[in-house]
Amino acid sequence: MSAAFGKLGVTPDARMAALAAMGLAGLVLAIGQIMEHAFGHVPCPLCLMQRLWFLIAGLVAALALADDPRRPVWALLLALAALVGGAFSIRQLWLQSLPADQVPACTPPIDFMLQSGYPGMEIIRAMTSGTGDCAKVGWSLLGLSFAGWALVGFLALVALALLQHRLRRA
């Protein structure tokens, strides 16, 4: 890989990997906002959790850039955020694979639950384990739902974290 960048006159380093991770997280968050506000796709609780973990991953990458992306702790935190987010994607993909009679019950939207004073534990349960809303595919591209594409994004962030760690000596 260094040879390919060398022909361009660029030496890859941990800063480039962190910048790519921050850009990827920002892109995914922007796409989520566009899909919600321009196309009316209301995010389910697990979608919101995935957005949260993309935000956390992007913030970790930004903090790494502000500090020193060569420090191993930043690659570790980025990989950890991506793995947690990926676990929520896998949970949603599992819910989407269930037969209709095994799908959990739907709940009101999270913003309604917050405004109506639902118990905090019920909101946390909906956010972390999902609801029937999370089992709806609703939209797909090239055979992957939102959750499938989010998992691809989280795996790409893990790869960038590994690259950031590998390039820390550059």
N, C-alpha and C. Protein backbone atom coordinates (compact mmCIF):
# COMPACT_ATOMS: atom_id res chain seq x y z
N MET A 1 0.82 -1.19 0.00
CA MET A 1 0.00 0.00 0.00
C MET A 1 0.87 1.25 0.00
N SER A 2 1.96 1.22 0.73
CA SER A 2 2.84 2.39 0.77
C SER A 2 3.37 2.73 -0.61
N ALA A 3 3.61 1.69 -1.43
CA ALA A 3 4.12 1.93 -2.77
C ALA A 3 3.09 2.70 -3.62
N ALA A 4 1.83 2.35 -3.47
CA ALA A 4 0.78 3.04 -4.23
C ALA A 4 0.71 4.51 -3.83
N PHE A 5 0.78 4.78 -2.52
CA PHE A 5 0.77 6.17 -2.07
C PHE A 5 2.06 6.87 -2.46
N GLY A 6 3.17 6.13 -2.44
CA GLY A 6 4.46 6.72 -2.79
C GLY A 6 4.47 7.27 -4.20
N LYS A 7 3.80 6.59 -5.12
CA LYS A 7 3.73 7.07 -6.51
C LYS A 7 2.97 8.39 -6.59
N LEU A 8 2.09 8.61 -5.62
CA LEU A 8 1.33 9.87 -5.58
C LEU A 8 2.08 10.95 -4.82
N GLY A 9 3.21 10.58 -4.24
CA GLY A 9 3.97 11.54 -3.45
C GLY A 9 3.41 11.73 -2.06
N VAL A 10 2.63 10.75 -1.57
CA VAL A 10 2.00 10.82 -0.27
C VAL A 10 2.46 9.63 0.57
N THR A 11 2.84 9.88 1.79
CA THR A 11 3.19 8.81 2.71
C THR A 11 2.03 8.62 3.68
N PRO A 12 1.38 7.44 3.67
CA PRO A 12 0.25 7.24 4.57
C PRO A 12 0.73 7.26 6.02
N ASP A 13 -0.08 7.85 6.88
CA ASP A 13 0.25 7.87 8.30
C ASP A 13 -1.03 7.74 9.12
N ALA A 14 -0.86 7.66 10.43
CA ALA A 14 -2.00 7.49 11.34
C ALA A 14 -2.98 8.64 11.22
N ARG A 15 -2.49 9.83 10.92
CA ARG A 15 -3.37 11.00 10.79
C ARG A 15 -4.35 10.81 9.62
N MET A 16 -3.86 10.26 8.52
CA MET A 16 -4.74 10.02 7.36
C MET A 16 -5.82 8.99 7.70
N ALA A 17 -5.46 7.94 8.43
CA ALA A 17 -6.43 6.93 8.82
C ALA A 17 -7.48 7.52 9.75
N ALA A 18 -7.06 8.34 10.71
CA ALA A 18 -8.01 8.98 11.63
C ALA A 18 -8.91 9.96 10.88
N LEU A 19 -8.35 10.68 9.93
CA LEU A 19 -9.15 11.61 9.13
C LEU A 19 -10.18 10.85 8.29
N ALA A 20 -9.77 9.72 7.72
CA ALA A 20 -10.70 8.90 6.94
C ALA A 20 -11.82 8.36 7.84
N ALA A 21 -11.48 7.95 9.06
CA ALA A 21 -12.49 7.45 10.00
C ALA A 21 -13.48 8.55 10.36
N MET A 22 -12.97 9.74 10.62
CA MET A 22 -13.85 10.86 10.95
C MET A 22 -14.75 11.19 9.76
N GLY A 23 -14.19 11.18 8.56
CA GLY A 23 -14.98 11.45 7.36
C GLY A 23 -16.04 10.40 7.12
N LEU A 24 -15.69 9.12 7.31
CA LEU A 24 -16.67 8.05 7.13
C LEU A 24 -17.81 8.17 8.13
N ALA A 25 -17.49 8.41 9.38
CA ALA A 25 -18.53 8.56 10.40
C ALA A 25 -19.44 9.75 10.07
N GLY A 26 -18.84 10.85 9.66
CA GLY A 26 -19.63 12.02 9.28
C GLY A 26 -20.52 11.76 8.08
N LEU A 27 -20.00 11.04 7.10
CA LEU A 27 -20.78 10.71 5.91
C LEU A 27 -21.98 9.85 6.27
N VAL A 28 -21.76 8.83 7.08
CA VAL A 28 -22.87 7.96 7.48
C VAL A 28 -23.92 8.74 8.26
N LEU A 29 -23.48 9.61 9.16
CA LEU A 29 -24.43 10.42 9.92
C LEU A 29 -25.21 11.36 9.00
N ALA A 30 -24.54 11.94 8.02
CA ALA A 30 -25.22 12.83 7.07
C ALA A 30 -26.26 12.05 6.25
N ILE A 31 -25.90 10.86 5.81
CA ILE A 31 -26.85 10.04 5.04
C ILE A 31 -28.06 9.70 5.90
N GLY A 32 -27.83 9.38 7.18
CA GLY A 32 -28.94 9.09 8.08
C GLY A 32 -29.88 10.29 8.23
N GLN A 33 -29.31 11.47 8.34
CA GLN A 33 -30.12 12.68 8.46
C GLN A 33 -30.92 12.94 7.18
N ILE A 34 -30.27 12.74 6.05
CA ILE A 34 -30.96 12.93 4.76
C ILE A 34 -32.10 11.94 4.61
N MET A 35 -31.84 10.67 4.95
CA MET A 35 -32.88 9.65 4.82
C MET A 35 -34.06 9.95 5.76
N GLU A 36 -33.76 10.49 6.92
CA GLU A 36 -34.82 10.81 7.87
C GLU A 36 -35.59 12.05 7.46
N HIS A 37 -34.89 13.14 7.20
CA HIS A 37 -35.56 14.43 7.01
C HIS A 37 -36.00 14.70 5.57
N ALA A 38 -35.29 14.16 4.60
CA ALA A 38 -35.68 14.40 3.21
C ALA A 38 -36.61 13.31 2.67
N PHE A 39 -36.43 12.07 3.18
CA PHE A 39 -37.21 10.96 2.64
C PHE A 39 -38.19 10.36 3.63
N GLY A 40 -38.25 10.91 4.85
CA GLY A 40 -39.25 10.50 5.82
C GLY A 40 -39.05 9.14 6.48
N HIS A 41 -37.84 8.60 6.45
CA HIS A 41 -37.57 7.33 7.13
C HIS A 41 -37.33 7.60 8.61
N VAL A 42 -38.30 7.24 9.45
CA VAL A 42 -38.18 7.48 10.88
C VAL A 42 -37.27 6.40 11.47
N PRO A 43 -36.19 6.79 12.15
CA PRO A 43 -35.27 5.78 12.68
C PRO A 43 -35.86 5.04 13.87
N CYS A 44 -35.64 3.74 13.90
CA CYS A 44 -36.08 2.92 15.03
C CYS A 44 -35.06 3.08 16.17
N PRO A 45 -35.35 2.52 17.35
CA PRO A 45 -34.40 2.65 18.46
C PRO A 45 -32.99 2.13 18.15
N LEU A 46 -32.89 0.98 17.48
CA LEU A 46 -31.56 0.46 17.17
C LEU A 46 -30.85 1.33 16.12
N CYS A 47 -31.60 1.93 15.22
CA CYS A 47 -30.99 2.87 14.26
C CYS A 47 -30.39 4.06 15.01
N LEU A 48 -31.12 4.54 16.01
CA LEU A 48 -30.62 5.66 16.80
C LEU A 48 -29.35 5.28 17.56
N MET A 49 -29.31 4.05 18.08
CA MET A 49 -28.10 3.59 18.77
C MET A 49 -26.91 3.50 17.79
N GLN A 50 -27.17 3.04 16.59
CA GLN A 50 -26.10 2.96 15.61
C GLN A 50 -25.60 4.36 15.25
N ARG A 51 -26.52 5.30 15.12
CA ARG A 51 -26.10 6.68 14.87
C ARG A 51 -25.24 7.21 16.02
N LEU A 52 -25.65 6.90 17.24
CA LEU A 52 -24.90 7.34 18.41
C LEU A 52 -23.47 6.80 18.35
N TRP A 53 -23.30 5.53 17.99
CA TRP A 53 -21.96 4.94 17.96
C TRP A 53 -21.14 5.44 16.78
N PHE A 54 -21.79 5.80 15.66
CA PHE A 54 -21.04 6.46 14.58
C PHE A 54 -20.57 7.84 15.06
N LEU A 55 -21.43 8.54 15.80
CA LEU A 55 -21.05 9.84 16.35
C LEU A 55 -19.87 9.69 17.31
N ILE A 56 -19.93 8.70 18.19
CA ILE A 56 -18.84 8.47 19.13
C ILE A 56 -17.56 8.14 18.38
N ALA A 57 -17.64 7.29 17.37
CA ALA A 57 -16.45 6.94 16.58
C ALA A 57 -15.87 8.18 15.90
N GLY A 58 -16.74 9.02 15.34
CA GLY A 58 -16.26 10.25 14.71
C GLY A 58 -15.60 11.19 15.70
N LEU A 59 -16.18 11.29 16.90
CA LEU A 59 -15.59 12.14 17.93
C LEU A 59 -14.25 11.60 18.41
N VAL A 60 -14.13 10.28 18.52
CA VAL A 60 -12.85 9.67 18.90
C VAL A 60 -11.80 10.00 17.84
N ALA A 61 -12.17 9.87 16.57
CA ALA A 61 -11.22 10.19 15.49
C ALA A 61 -10.83 11.66 15.53
N ALA A 62 -11.80 12.54 15.80
CA ALA A 62 -11.50 13.98 15.88
C ALA A 62 -10.58 14.28 17.07
N LEU A 63 -10.84 13.63 18.19
CA LEU A 63 -9.97 13.82 19.35
C LEU A 63 -8.56 13.30 19.07
N ALA A 64 -8.48 12.19 18.34
CA ALA A 64 -7.17 11.65 17.97
C ALA A 64 -6.41 12.66 17.11
N LEU A 65 -7.11 13.28 16.18
CA LEU A 65 -6.47 14.28 15.32
C LEU A 65 -6.04 15.50 16.13
N ALA A 66 -6.84 15.88 17.12
CA ALA A 66 -6.48 17.03 17.95
C ALA A 66 -5.30 16.72 18.87
N ASP A 67 -5.17 15.46 19.24
CA ASP A 67 -4.08 15.05 20.14
C ASP A 67 -2.93 14.50 19.30
N ASP A 68 -2.84 13.20 19.19
CA ASP A 68 -1.80 12.54 18.41
C ASP A 68 -2.34 11.18 17.98
N PRO A 69 -2.77 11.04 16.73
CA PRO A 69 -3.39 9.78 16.29
C PRO A 69 -2.44 8.58 16.33
N ARG A 70 -1.14 8.83 16.57
CA ARG A 70 -0.21 7.72 16.66
C ARG A 70 -0.28 7.02 18.01
N ARG A 71 -0.91 7.66 18.98
CA ARG A 71 -1.05 7.02 20.30
C ARG A 71 -2.02 5.84 20.17
N PRO A 72 -1.61 4.65 20.62
CA PRO A 72 -2.43 3.45 20.43
C PRO A 72 -3.83 3.53 21.06
N VAL A 73 -3.99 4.35 22.09
CA VAL A 73 -5.29 4.43 22.75
C VAL A 73 -6.37 4.91 21.78
N TRP A 74 -6.03 5.77 20.83
CA TRP A 74 -7.04 6.30 19.90
C TRP A 74 -7.53 5.22 18.95
N ALA A 75 -6.63 4.41 18.44
CA ALA A 75 -7.04 3.30 17.56
C ALA A 75 -7.89 2.30 18.34
N LEU A 76 -7.52 2.05 19.58
CA LEU A 76 -8.28 1.13 20.43
C LEU A 76 -9.68 1.65 20.67
N LEU A 77 -9.81 2.93 21.03
CA LEU A 77 -11.13 3.52 21.29
C LEU A 77 -11.98 3.55 20.02
N LEU A 78 -11.37 3.84 18.88
CA LEU A 78 -12.10 3.84 17.62
C LEU A 78 -12.62 2.44 17.31
N ALA A 79 -11.76 1.43 17.45
CA ALA A 79 -12.18 0.05 17.19
C ALA A 79 -13.29 -0.36 18.17
N LEU A 80 -13.16 0.03 19.43
CA LEU A 80 -14.17 -0.31 20.42
C LEU A 80 -15.53 0.31 20.08
N ALA A 81 -15.52 1.58 19.71
CA ALA A 81 -16.78 2.25 19.32
C ALA A 81 -17.41 1.56 18.11
N ALA A 82 -16.57 1.20 17.14
CA ALA A 82 -17.08 0.54 15.93
C ALA A 82 -17.62 -0.85 16.25
N LEU A 83 -16.97 -1.57 17.15
CA LEU A 83 -17.44 -2.91 17.51
C LEU A 83 -18.76 -2.86 18.27
N VAL A 84 -18.91 -1.89 19.17
CA VAL A 84 -20.18 -1.75 19.90
C VAL A 84 -21.29 -1.38 18.91
N GLY A 85 -21.02 -0.42 18.03
CA GLY A 85 -22.02 -0.05 17.02
C GLY A 85 -22.35 -1.22 16.11
N GLY A 86 -21.33 -1.98 15.73
CA GLY A 86 -21.56 -3.15 14.89
C GLY A 86 -22.43 -4.19 15.59
N ALA A 87 -22.30 -4.31 16.90
CA ALA A 87 -23.14 -5.25 17.65
C ALA A 87 -24.62 -4.83 17.56
N PHE A 88 -24.88 -3.53 17.60
CA PHE A 88 -26.26 -3.07 17.44
C PHE A 88 -26.77 -3.34 16.02
N SER A 89 -25.90 -3.22 15.02
CA SER A 89 -26.29 -3.55 13.65
C SER A 89 -26.63 -5.03 13.53
N ILE A 90 -25.80 -5.87 14.14
CA ILE A 90 -26.05 -7.31 14.09
C ILE A 90 -27.37 -7.64 14.79
N ARG A 91 -27.63 -7.01 15.92
CA ARG A 91 -28.89 -7.22 16.63
C ARG A 91 -30.08 -6.86 15.73
N GLN A 92 -29.98 -5.74 15.02
CA GLN A 92 -31.08 -5.33 14.15
C GLN A 92 -31.22 -6.29 12.97
N LEU A 93 -30.12 -6.73 12.40
CA LEU A 93 -30.19 -7.71 11.31
C LEU A 93 -30.83 -9.01 11.78
N TRP A 94 -30.53 -9.41 13.01
CA TRP A 94 -31.15 -10.61 13.57
C TRP A 94 -32.66 -10.41 13.71
N LEU A 95 -33.07 -9.25 14.24
CA LEU A 95 -34.51 -8.97 14.36
C LEU A 95 -35.19 -8.98 13.00
N GLN A 96 -34.49 -8.46 11.99
CA GLN A 96 -35.07 -8.42 10.64
C GLN A 96 -35.20 -9.82 10.04
N SER A 97 -34.43 -10.77 10.55
CA SER A 97 -34.49 -12.13 10.01
C SER A 97 -35.54 -13.00 10.68
N LEU A 98 -36.15 -12.51 11.77
CA LEU A 98 -37.13 -13.30 12.50
C LEU A 98 -38.43 -13.46 11.71
N PRO A 99 -39.11 -14.60 11.88
CA PRO A 99 -40.45 -14.73 11.30
C PRO A 99 -41.40 -13.72 11.96
N ALA A 100 -42.41 -13.31 11.24
CA ALA A 100 -43.32 -12.26 11.71
C ALA A 100 -43.93 -12.57 13.07
N ASP A 101 -44.20 -13.83 13.37
CA ASP A 101 -44.84 -14.16 14.65
C ASP A 101 -43.87 -14.14 15.83
N GLN A 102 -42.57 -13.97 15.57
CA GLN A 102 -41.58 -13.91 16.65
C GLN A 102 -41.01 -12.51 16.87
N VAL A 103 -41.47 -11.55 16.08
CA VAL A 103 -40.97 -10.17 16.20
C VAL A 103 -41.53 -9.54 17.46
N PRO A 104 -40.69 -8.85 18.25
CA PRO A 104 -41.21 -8.18 19.45
C PRO A 104 -42.23 -7.10 19.10
N ALA A 105 -42.99 -6.71 20.10
CA ALA A 105 -44.01 -5.68 19.89
C ALA A 105 -43.36 -4.34 19.57
N CYS A 106 -44.08 -3.53 18.81
CA CYS A 106 -43.61 -2.18 18.50
C CYS A 106 -43.86 -1.28 19.71
N THR A 107 -43.09 -0.21 19.79
CA THR A 107 -43.27 0.79 20.84
C THR A 107 -43.50 2.13 20.18
N PRO A 108 -43.93 3.12 20.96
CA PRO A 108 -44.04 4.47 20.39
C PRO A 108 -42.63 4.97 20.02
N PRO A 109 -42.56 5.97 19.17
CA PRO A 109 -41.25 6.55 18.85
C PRO A 109 -40.54 7.03 20.11
N ILE A 110 -39.22 6.98 20.08
CA ILE A 110 -38.42 7.34 21.25
C ILE A 110 -38.69 8.77 21.70
N ASP A 111 -38.84 9.72 20.75
CA ASP A 111 -39.09 11.10 21.16
C ASP A 111 -40.42 11.21 21.92
N PHE A 112 -41.43 10.43 21.52
CA PHE A 112 -42.71 10.42 22.24
C PHE A 112 -42.52 9.82 23.64
N MET A 113 -41.73 8.74 23.72
CA MET A 113 -41.48 8.11 25.02
C MET A 113 -40.79 9.09 25.97
N LEU A 114 -39.84 9.85 25.45
CA LEU A 114 -39.13 10.83 26.28
C LEU A 114 -40.05 11.95 26.74
N GLN A 115 -40.87 12.46 25.82
CA GLN A 115 -41.76 13.57 26.15
C GLN A 115 -42.92 13.16 27.06
N SER A 116 -43.32 11.89 26.98
CA SER A 116 -44.48 11.42 27.75
C SER A 116 -44.12 10.87 29.12
N GLY A 117 -42.84 10.87 29.44
CA GLY A 117 -42.43 10.44 30.77
C GLY A 117 -42.39 8.94 30.96
N TYR A 118 -42.13 8.19 29.89
CA TYR A 118 -41.96 6.74 30.05
C TYR A 118 -40.82 6.47 31.03
N PRO A 119 -40.88 5.36 31.77
CA PRO A 119 -39.78 5.03 32.68
C PRO A 119 -38.46 4.90 31.92
N GLY A 120 -37.40 5.40 32.55
CA GLY A 120 -36.09 5.39 31.90
C GLY A 120 -35.63 4.00 31.49
N MET A 121 -35.90 3.00 32.32
CA MET A 121 -35.45 1.65 31.98
C MET A 121 -36.17 1.11 30.75
N GLU A 122 -37.42 1.50 30.55
CA GLU A 122 -38.16 1.05 29.37
C GLU A 122 -37.57 1.68 28.11
N ILE A 123 -37.16 2.93 28.21
CA ILE A 123 -36.53 3.60 27.07
C ILE A 123 -35.18 2.96 26.77
N ILE A 124 -34.40 2.69 27.81
CA ILE A 124 -33.09 2.06 27.61
C ILE A 124 -33.26 0.67 27.02
N ARG A 125 -34.24 -0.09 27.50
CA ARG A 125 -34.49 -1.43 26.96
C ARG A 125 -34.83 -1.35 25.47
N ALA A 126 -35.68 -0.40 25.09
CA ALA A 126 -36.04 -0.25 23.69
C ALA A 126 -34.82 0.14 22.85
N MET A 127 -33.99 1.02 23.40
CA MET A 127 -32.81 1.50 22.66
C MET A 127 -31.75 0.42 22.49
N THR A 128 -31.64 -0.49 23.45
CA THR A 128 -30.54 -1.46 23.39
C THR A 128 -30.95 -2.82 22.85
N SER A 129 -32.21 -3.22 23.01
CA SER A 129 -32.58 -4.54 22.51
C SER A 129 -33.48 -4.47 21.28
N GLY A 130 -34.02 -3.31 20.99
CA GLY A 130 -34.84 -3.14 19.80
C GLY A 130 -36.30 -3.44 20.05
N THR A 131 -37.10 -3.09 19.07
CA THR A 131 -38.54 -3.31 19.13
C THR A 131 -38.99 -3.85 17.77
N GLY A 132 -40.28 -4.03 17.65
CA GLY A 132 -40.81 -4.49 16.37
C GLY A 132 -40.50 -3.54 15.23
N ASP A 133 -40.38 -2.26 15.55
CA ASP A 133 -40.02 -1.27 14.53
C ASP A 133 -38.66 -1.59 13.92
N CYS A 134 -37.77 -2.14 14.72
CA CYS A 134 -36.42 -2.45 14.27
C CYS A 134 -36.39 -3.63 13.31
N ALA A 135 -37.45 -4.44 13.32
CA ALA A 135 -37.50 -5.62 12.46
C ALA A 135 -37.97 -5.28 11.04
N LYS A 136 -38.48 -4.08 10.86
CA LYS A 136 -38.94 -3.67 9.52
C LYS A 136 -37.74 -3.27 8.68
N VAL A 137 -37.64 -3.83 7.48
CA VAL A 137 -36.52 -3.50 6.61
C VAL A 137 -36.74 -2.12 6.00
N GLY A 138 -37.89 -1.88 5.44
CA GLY A 138 -38.24 -0.55 4.95
C GLY A 138 -37.51 -0.08 3.71
N TRP A 139 -36.22 -0.28 3.62
CA TRP A 139 -35.42 0.25 2.52
C TRP A 139 -34.20 -0.65 2.37
N SER A 140 -33.79 -0.86 1.14
CA SER A 140 -32.55 -1.62 0.94
C SER A 140 -31.87 -1.13 -0.33
N LEU A 141 -30.57 -1.34 -0.35
CA LEU A 141 -29.75 -0.99 -1.51
C LEU A 141 -28.79 -2.15 -1.73
N LEU A 142 -28.81 -2.70 -2.93
CA LEU A 142 -27.98 -3.85 -3.27
C LEU A 142 -28.20 -5.01 -2.31
N GLY A 143 -29.44 -5.16 -1.86
CA GLY A 143 -29.80 -6.26 -0.99
C GLY A 143 -29.50 -6.06 0.48
N LEU A 144 -28.97 -4.90 0.87
CA LEU A 144 -28.67 -4.64 2.27
C LEU A 144 -29.60 -3.56 2.81
N SER A 145 -30.11 -3.80 4.02
CA SER A 145 -30.95 -2.80 4.69
C SER A 145 -30.06 -1.74 5.32
N PHE A 146 -30.70 -0.77 5.98
CA PHE A 146 -29.93 0.25 6.72
C PHE A 146 -28.94 -0.42 7.67
N ALA A 147 -29.44 -1.42 8.41
CA ALA A 147 -28.59 -2.10 9.39
C ALA A 147 -27.42 -2.81 8.71
N GLY A 148 -27.65 -3.39 7.56
CA GLY A 148 -26.57 -4.05 6.82
C GLY A 148 -25.51 -3.06 6.38
N TRP A 149 -25.94 -1.92 5.87
CA TRP A 149 -24.97 -0.90 5.45
C TRP A 149 -24.26 -0.30 6.66
N ALA A 150 -24.98 -0.16 7.77
CA ALA A 150 -24.32 0.34 8.98
C ALA A 150 -23.23 -0.63 9.43
N LEU A 151 -23.51 -1.93 9.34
CA LEU A 151 -22.50 -2.92 9.71
C LEU A 151 -21.28 -2.81 8.80
N VAL A 152 -21.50 -2.61 7.51
CA VAL A 152 -20.37 -2.40 6.59
C VAL A 152 -19.57 -1.18 7.03
N GLY A 153 -20.25 -0.10 7.40
CA GLY A 153 -19.57 1.11 7.86
C GLY A 153 -18.77 0.86 9.14
N PHE A 154 -19.36 0.12 10.08
CA PHE A 154 -18.63 -0.17 11.32
C PHE A 154 -17.41 -1.05 11.06
N LEU A 155 -17.55 -2.02 10.15
CA LEU A 155 -16.40 -2.86 9.80
C LEU A 155 -15.30 -2.03 9.13
N ALA A 156 -15.71 -1.06 8.32
CA ALA A 156 -14.72 -0.17 7.70
C ALA A 156 -14.01 0.67 8.77
N LEU A 157 -14.74 1.09 9.80
CA LEU A 157 -14.12 1.84 10.89
C LEU A 157 -13.14 0.97 11.67
N VAL A 158 -13.46 -0.30 11.87
CA VAL A 158 -12.52 -1.21 12.53
C VAL A 158 -11.27 -1.33 11.68
N ALA A 159 -11.44 -1.48 10.36
CA ALA A 159 -10.28 -1.58 9.47
C ALA A 159 -9.44 -0.31 9.54
N LEU A 160 -10.08 0.85 9.58
CA LEU A 160 -9.34 2.11 9.69
C LEU A 160 -8.63 2.22 11.04
N ALA A 161 -9.24 1.71 12.10
CA ALA A 161 -8.58 1.72 13.40
C ALA A 161 -7.33 0.84 13.38
N LEU A 162 -7.45 -0.33 12.74
CA LEU A 162 -6.28 -1.21 12.62
C LEU A 162 -5.20 -0.55 11.77
N LEU A 163 -5.61 0.11 10.70
CA LEU A 163 -4.64 0.82 9.85
C LEU A 163 -3.98 1.96 10.63
N GLN A 164 -4.78 2.69 11.38
CA GLN A 164 -4.26 3.79 12.20
C GLN A 164 -3.21 3.25 13.18
N HIS A 165 -3.50 2.12 13.79
CA HIS A 165 -2.55 1.51 14.73
C HIS A 165 -1.29 1.05 14.00
N ARG A 166 -1.47 0.46 12.83
CA ARG A 166 -0.33 -0.06 12.07
C ARG A 166 0.56 1.08 11.58
N LEU A 167 -0.01 2.20 11.24
CA LEU A 167 0.74 3.33 10.68
C LEU A 167 1.23 4.29 11.76
N ARG A 168 1.13 3.92 13.01
CA ARG A 168 1.49 4.85 14.09
C ARG A 168 2.96 5.21 14.09
N ARG A 169 3.79 4.41 13.47
CA ARG A 169 5.23 4.68 13.45
C ARG A 169 5.62 5.59 12.27
N ALA A 170 4.68 5.82 11.37
CA ALA A 170 5.00 6.62 10.17
C ALA A 170 5.12 8.09 10.50
